Protein backbone atom coordinates (compact mmCIF):
# COMPACT_ATOMS: atom_id res chain seq x y z
CA MET A 1 -53.42 32.17 90.10
CA TYR A 2 -50.69 32.87 88.03
CA THR A 3 -52.27 32.01 84.32
CA LYS A 4 -53.29 35.75 83.82
CA TYR A 5 -49.83 36.93 84.76
CA PHE A 6 -47.79 34.84 82.07
CA GLY A 7 -50.45 35.14 79.59
CA PHE A 8 -52.09 31.44 79.68
CA ILE A 9 -55.49 30.66 78.89
CA GLU A 10 -55.63 27.70 81.53
CA LYS A 11 -53.33 26.22 83.74
CA PRO A 12 -50.45 24.04 81.64
CA PHE A 13 -49.52 21.73 83.98
CA THR A 14 -52.39 20.30 85.74
CA LEU A 15 -52.23 16.95 87.18
CA THR A 16 -55.73 15.60 85.79
CA PRO A 17 -55.36 13.90 82.28
CA ASN A 18 -56.66 16.21 79.70
CA PRO A 19 -56.93 14.97 76.09
CA ARG A 20 -56.11 18.32 74.45
CA PHE A 21 -52.43 18.21 76.31
CA ILE A 22 -51.69 14.87 74.99
CA PHE A 23 -47.86 14.77 74.01
CA LEU A 24 -46.70 11.67 72.41
CA SER A 25 -42.84 10.85 72.94
CA LYS A 26 -40.88 8.47 70.59
CA HIS A 27 -42.00 5.71 73.11
CA HIS A 28 -45.48 6.52 73.49
CA LYS A 29 -46.04 6.53 69.91
CA GLU A 30 -44.59 2.73 70.03
CA ALA A 31 -46.58 1.77 72.88
CA PHE A 32 -49.82 2.84 70.78
CA ALA A 33 -48.26 1.05 67.83
CA HIS A 34 -48.04 -2.04 69.60
CA LEU A 35 -51.44 -1.93 71.17
CA LEU A 36 -52.70 -1.40 67.96
CA TYR A 37 -51.07 -4.06 66.00
CA GLY A 38 -51.87 -6.59 68.90
CA ILE A 39 -55.48 -5.83 68.73
CA ASN A 40 -55.80 -5.85 64.61
CA ASN A 41 -54.21 -8.87 64.44
CA HIS A 42 -56.28 -10.51 67.08
CA TYR A 43 -53.65 -11.68 69.26
CA GLY A 44 -55.91 -12.05 72.36
CA PHE A 45 -53.49 -10.63 75.36
CA ILE A 46 -51.57 -7.77 75.13
CA GLU A 47 -49.28 -6.29 78.13
CA LEU A 48 -48.56 -2.64 78.55
CA VAL A 49 -46.14 -1.81 81.58
CA GLY A 50 -44.74 1.32 82.72
CA GLU A 51 -43.82 2.92 86.09
CA VAL A 52 -46.02 5.23 87.96
CA GLY A 53 -46.42 8.74 85.97
CA THR A 54 -44.92 7.29 82.47
CA GLY A 55 -48.08 8.11 80.73
CA LYS A 56 -49.87 4.88 80.50
CA THR A 57 -53.12 6.33 80.93
CA THR A 58 -52.27 8.82 77.74
CA VAL A 59 -51.49 6.04 75.82
CA LEU A 60 -54.71 4.25 76.42
CA ARG A 61 -56.85 6.97 76.03
CA THR A 62 -55.23 7.76 72.49
CA LEU A 63 -55.74 4.16 71.59
CA LEU A 64 -59.39 4.12 72.79
CA SER A 65 -60.15 7.69 70.74
CA GLN A 66 -58.79 5.73 67.65
CA LEU A 67 -61.08 2.62 67.98
CA ASN A 68 -64.08 3.79 65.87
CA GLU A 69 -67.87 2.28 66.66
CA ASP A 70 -67.99 1.32 63.21
CA ASN A 71 -65.27 -1.32 63.39
CA TYR A 72 -64.74 -1.77 67.35
CA ARG A 73 -66.57 -2.40 70.41
CA SER A 74 -64.27 -0.99 73.46
CA ALA A 75 -64.75 -0.90 77.26
CA LEU A 76 -62.07 0.37 80.06
CA ILE A 77 -61.84 -0.94 83.46
CA PHE A 78 -59.92 1.18 85.81
CA ASN A 79 -58.32 0.07 88.85
CA PRO A 80 -59.80 -3.36 89.01
CA CYS A 81 -59.97 -4.72 92.87
CA LEU A 82 -62.64 -7.03 92.09
CA THR A 83 -63.39 -10.75 92.44
CA GLY A 84 -63.81 -13.05 89.47
CA VAL A 85 -67.38 -12.89 89.53
CA GLU A 86 -67.53 -9.30 90.13
CA LEU A 87 -65.13 -8.31 86.99
CA LEU A 88 -67.30 -10.75 85.02
CA ARG A 89 -70.08 -8.45 86.03
CA LYS A 90 -68.38 -5.10 85.61
CA ILE A 91 -67.08 -6.27 82.02
CA ASN A 92 -70.68 -7.10 80.83
CA HIS A 93 -72.07 -4.02 82.49
CA GLU A 94 -69.52 -2.07 80.23
CA PHE A 95 -70.66 -3.77 77.10
CA GLY A 96 -74.37 -3.25 77.95
CA LEU A 97 -75.01 -6.86 78.51
CA ASN A 98 -76.96 -8.22 81.70
CA ALA A 99 -74.89 -7.72 84.77
CA GLU A 100 -77.12 -9.00 87.15
CA ASN A 101 -76.77 -12.30 87.54
CA GLU A 102 -74.63 -13.74 90.26
CA CYS A 103 -73.33 -17.06 88.61
CA ALA A 104 -70.09 -16.94 86.69
CA ASN A 105 -71.21 -19.55 83.81
CA GLU A 106 -74.07 -17.66 83.00
CA LEU A 107 -72.44 -14.45 82.99
CA LEU A 108 -69.84 -15.94 80.70
CA ASP A 109 -72.64 -17.21 78.78
CA GLU A 110 -74.07 -13.90 78.12
CA LEU A 111 -70.75 -12.73 77.06
CA ASN A 112 -69.86 -15.16 74.73
CA ARG A 113 -73.14 -14.80 72.97
CA PHE A 114 -72.51 -11.01 72.67
CA LEU A 115 -68.80 -11.83 71.37
CA LEU A 116 -70.10 -14.16 68.62
CA LYS A 117 -72.73 -11.79 67.43
CA GLU A 118 -70.08 -9.21 67.09
CA ASN A 119 -67.48 -11.11 65.36
CA ALA A 120 -70.03 -12.11 63.00
CA ARG A 121 -70.51 -8.58 62.24
CA GLY A 122 -66.80 -7.97 61.49
CA ILE A 123 -66.67 -6.00 64.70
CA THR A 124 -63.46 -6.07 66.86
CA VAL A 125 -64.34 -6.33 71.19
CA VAL A 126 -61.53 -4.71 73.02
CA LEU A 127 -61.29 -5.01 76.69
CA VAL A 128 -58.78 -2.47 78.41
CA ILE A 129 -57.75 -3.12 81.97
CA ASP A 130 -55.67 -0.52 83.40
CA GLU A 131 -54.01 -1.01 86.95
CA ALA A 132 -53.77 -4.77 86.70
CA GLN A 133 -51.42 -4.97 88.72
CA ASN A 134 -53.91 -5.11 91.45
CA LEU A 135 -55.52 -7.75 89.75
CA THR A 136 -55.25 -11.28 92.03
CA PRO A 137 -53.79 -14.30 90.33
CA SER A 138 -57.46 -15.88 90.78
CA VAL A 139 -58.82 -13.27 89.06
CA LEU A 140 -56.24 -13.20 86.14
CA GLU A 141 -57.26 -16.88 85.61
CA ARG A 142 -60.95 -15.93 85.20
CA LEU A 143 -59.46 -13.80 82.17
CA ARG A 144 -57.70 -16.59 80.53
CA LEU A 145 -60.86 -18.29 80.43
CA ILE A 146 -62.54 -15.37 78.92
CA SER A 147 -60.17 -15.45 76.22
CA ASN A 148 -61.09 -19.06 75.73
CA LEU A 149 -64.34 -17.83 73.97
CA GLU A 150 -63.09 -17.99 70.50
CA THR A 151 -64.06 -19.57 66.89
CA GLU A 152 -61.79 -22.07 65.27
CA ASP A 153 -59.73 -19.38 63.65
CA ASP A 154 -60.01 -16.19 65.41
CA LYS A 155 -59.75 -14.98 68.79
CA LEU A 156 -63.32 -13.38 70.18
CA ILE A 157 -62.04 -10.57 72.50
CA GLN A 158 -58.78 -8.45 72.29
CA ILE A 159 -57.56 -8.16 76.15
CA VAL A 160 -55.36 -5.40 77.20
CA LEU A 161 -53.62 -5.48 80.82
CA ALA A 162 -51.85 -2.26 81.43
CA GLY A 163 -50.04 -1.35 84.90
CA GLN A 164 -46.93 -0.78 86.77
CA PRO A 165 -43.81 -3.17 86.62
CA GLU A 166 -45.54 -5.39 89.29
CA LEU A 167 -47.69 -6.61 86.58
CA SER A 168 -45.01 -8.23 84.76
CA ALA A 169 -43.87 -10.02 88.30
CA LEU A 170 -47.46 -11.10 89.00
CA LEU A 171 -47.73 -12.72 85.59
CA ALA A 172 -44.68 -14.60 86.12
CA LEU A 173 -46.04 -16.71 89.02
CA PRO A 174 -46.05 -20.40 88.40
CA GLU A 175 -49.78 -20.69 88.63
CA LEU A 176 -50.11 -18.07 85.79
CA ARG A 177 -47.72 -19.62 83.39
CA GLN A 178 -50.51 -20.28 80.99
CA LEU A 179 -52.14 -16.65 80.89
CA ASN A 180 -48.45 -15.55 80.59
CA GLN A 181 -47.73 -17.90 77.48
CA ARG A 182 -50.59 -16.39 75.86
CA ILE A 183 -49.43 -12.89 75.86
CA ALA A 184 -48.22 -12.19 72.35
CA VAL A 185 -47.33 -8.66 72.40
CA ARG A 186 -45.70 -6.74 75.34
CA TYR A 187 -44.24 -2.90 75.40
CA ARG A 188 -42.69 -1.46 78.45
CA LEU A 189 -43.01 2.32 78.37
CA LYS A 190 -39.91 4.52 79.25
CA SER A 191 -39.56 7.94 80.67
CA LEU A 192 -39.05 10.84 78.44
CA ASN A 193 -35.21 12.06 77.60
CA ILE A 194 -34.03 15.68 78.21
CA GLY A 195 -34.68 16.44 74.56
CA GLU A 196 -38.65 15.25 75.13
CA THR A 197 -38.85 16.60 78.69
CA ARG A 198 -37.85 20.19 76.98
CA ALA A 199 -40.59 19.52 73.75
CA TYR A 200 -43.21 18.53 76.62
CA ILE A 201 -42.65 21.49 78.54
CA ARG A 202 -42.98 23.47 75.80
CA HIS A 203 -45.95 21.67 74.30
CA ARG A 204 -48.02 21.65 77.09
CA MET A 205 -47.43 25.99 77.61
CA VAL A 206 -48.28 26.18 74.07
CA VAL A 207 -51.74 24.25 74.51
CA ALA A 208 -52.59 26.46 77.40
CA GLY A 209 -52.43 29.43 75.33
CA GLU A 210 -48.71 30.55 76.07
CA THR A 211 -47.73 33.69 73.85
CA GLY A 212 -44.26 34.26 74.80
CA GLY A 213 -44.53 35.76 78.32
CA VAL A 214 -42.68 33.11 79.96
CA MET A 215 -40.00 30.47 79.29
CA PHE A 216 -38.03 28.03 81.32
CA SER A 217 -33.99 28.47 80.84
CA GLY A 218 -31.94 25.36 79.64
CA ALA A 219 -30.61 25.16 83.16
CA ALA A 220 -33.89 24.88 84.72
CA ILE A 221 -34.96 22.10 82.21
CA ARG A 222 -32.31 20.30 82.96
CA LEU A 223 -32.98 20.24 86.70
CA VAL A 224 -36.68 19.43 86.04
CA HIS A 225 -35.26 16.33 84.00
CA LEU A 226 -32.82 15.26 86.70
CA PHE A 227 -35.65 15.29 89.60
CA SER A 228 -38.36 14.03 87.95
CA GLY A 229 -36.85 11.15 85.87
CA GLY A 230 -38.44 12.30 83.09
CA LEU A 231 -41.97 11.30 84.27
CA PRO A 232 -44.67 13.31 82.92
CA ARG A 233 -46.71 13.41 86.13
CA LEU A 234 -43.36 14.51 88.23
CA ILE A 235 -42.77 16.92 85.56
CA ASN A 236 -46.07 18.70 85.60
CA ASN A 237 -45.98 18.96 89.67
CA MET A 238 -42.56 20.52 89.26
CA CYS A 239 -43.39 23.13 86.53
CA ASP A 240 -46.44 24.12 88.21
CA ARG A 241 -44.82 25.06 91.28
CA ALA A 242 -41.80 26.47 89.62
CA LEU A 243 -44.27 28.70 87.79
CA LEU A 244 -45.97 29.93 90.99
CA VAL A 245 -42.48 30.89 92.54
CA GLY A 246 -41.91 32.79 89.41
CA TYR A 247 -45.11 34.45 89.76
CA GLY A 248 -44.48 35.25 93.59
CA ASN A 249 -41.19 36.77 92.24
CA GLU A 250 -42.49 38.55 89.43
CA GLN A 251 -40.14 36.81 87.13
CA ARG A 252 -41.15 35.55 83.70
CA ARG A 253 -38.02 33.61 83.24
CA ILE A 254 -38.16 30.51 85.12
CA GLY A 255 -34.30 29.75 86.02
CA ALA A 256 -32.83 26.72 88.07
CA GLY A 257 -33.08 28.71 91.36
CA MET A 258 -36.92 28.57 91.24
CA VAL A 259 -36.95 24.96 90.33
CA PHE A 260 -34.83 24.33 93.23
CA ARG A 261 -37.22 26.25 95.47
CA ALA A 262 -40.05 24.34 93.94
CA LEU A 263 -38.82 21.35 95.14
CA ARG A 264 -37.84 22.11 98.48
CA GLU A 265 -41.86 23.24 98.72
CA ILE A 266 -42.90 20.21 97.15
CA VAL A 267 -41.56 17.91 99.70
CA ASN A 268 -43.26 17.87 103.06
CA GLU A 269 -41.60 19.66 106.40
CA ARG A 270 -40.31 16.43 107.99
CA LYS A 271 -38.43 15.41 104.76
CA GLY A 272 -37.47 18.81 103.43
CA ARG A 273 -33.86 19.33 105.43
CA LYS A 274 -32.42 15.86 104.19
CA PHE A 275 -33.95 16.51 100.64
CA VAL A 276 -32.57 20.15 100.59
CA TRP A 277 -29.30 18.83 101.42
CA LEU A 278 -29.29 15.94 99.02
CA VAL A 279 -30.59 18.48 96.17
CA ALA A 280 -27.98 21.16 96.98
CA SER A 281 -25.22 18.13 96.42
CA VAL A 282 -26.45 17.16 93.13
CA ILE A 283 -26.93 20.67 92.01
CA THR A 284 -23.20 21.38 92.95
CA LEU A 285 -22.02 18.47 91.33
CA PHE A 286 -23.80 19.65 88.27
CA LEU A 287 -22.62 23.05 88.27
CA LEU A 288 -19.04 21.33 89.05
CA CYS A 289 -19.34 19.07 85.99
CA THR A 290 -20.59 21.76 83.82
CA CYS A 291 -17.68 24.45 84.55
CA PHE A 292 -15.02 21.12 84.16
CA ILE A 293 -16.66 20.62 80.57
CA MET A 294 -16.39 24.26 79.67
CA ALA A 295 -13.06 24.50 81.19
CA SER A 296 -11.89 21.61 79.17
CA TYR A 297 -13.50 22.44 75.93
CA SER A 298 -11.69 26.27 76.46
CA THR A 299 -8.19 24.50 77.11
CA GLY A 300 -8.45 22.49 74.15
CA THR A 301 -9.29 25.59 72.05
CA SER A 302 -6.31 27.45 73.39
CA LYS A 303 -3.97 24.58 72.42
CA THR A 304 -5.60 24.00 69.00
CA ASP A 305 -5.29 27.92 68.41
CA ALA A 306 -1.62 28.05 69.61
CA ALA A 307 -0.65 24.69 67.40
CA THR A 308 -2.33 26.58 64.43
CA ARG A 309 -0.24 29.77 65.01
CA SER A 310 2.98 27.63 65.41
CA THR A 311 2.45 25.71 62.34
CA LYS A 312 1.97 29.00 60.34
C-alpha cells in the first residue's frame, strides 16, 4: 500500500524470512562463527539458544547457505513435534534415504551406512533441528544414540540444536545429563542494541529500494528499540505499522508520535487502554530524562564559560 508513496520496490519490514534482507549483527556473526567452528571440528553436538524473534532462523539459514555440497551434506528439521521413530524417519527422508521402515533399529542402520559412506568420501554430515525446545526427553535421548554413530577418531554426524531458552532448561534435566555433557559448543543469541537497531532499519529500507524518500527520526528509532527490546521480528512489526501511519498522514519523516500510534494499533482493543497508559508513562519518563540531561549539560557549559571568563 505505502511502497510506491515512499519509493520502495517492495515492503521493507515483512515478517516472513527473506534471505535478501539478512542483517547480521555482531551477535549473529558470533553465533554463526560458533556453529561453523563446532561443525568443522566435528564436536558432535552444538547448541544455539535465543529468545523468540532474535534471529535464530536467520543464523541457521546463513549457516546452511555456506555449507557447499562438495564438502557437506545438510538437513534441516523445523518444529520437530515427533516421536523417536518419526524423527528417525524424518532424518532419513531429509538425507534421501529409505524412510518407510517402522523399526527404529533398521532406520538407524540405514543412517549409519549412509554416514560411513559420506565419511569415507570426506563429507561432513550436518543435521540442524530448529525449535528443538519442542523435543521430548525421550526423543532427545534418541538423538544421543544417533551421535553414537562414530568411527574410532571421528563423529559421523554433527547435530545443531537450536531453540528458545527452554531448550537449555530441558537439556539440564537429570535424565539428559549424558546428552548435555556432550554439547561442546554453546551460544546464546542476544537482541540488537540501539546502534544495531538503527543500522538494521536502514539496511532493510535500502534493500527494499529506498532512495531517500523516507526516514525515521532518532527519537522514533529509540522508541522502536525500547519497545521491541531489540528483537528483529518486533522491529519489523513496529516499523511496518509506523510506515503505514506515515502514509496515512502523508508524512515521509517517521517521528516518535507515529511510532507511538503504531504501538497502539498493534495491541488489541482489550489490552489497548492499559498499554497506552503504560506507553504514555514510559514516553513521559523518557522525555523528562532527556530534558534533564540537556538542562544539566547546558548548566555545566554555562558554569564552564563563566569560570573561563573569570579566569581571564
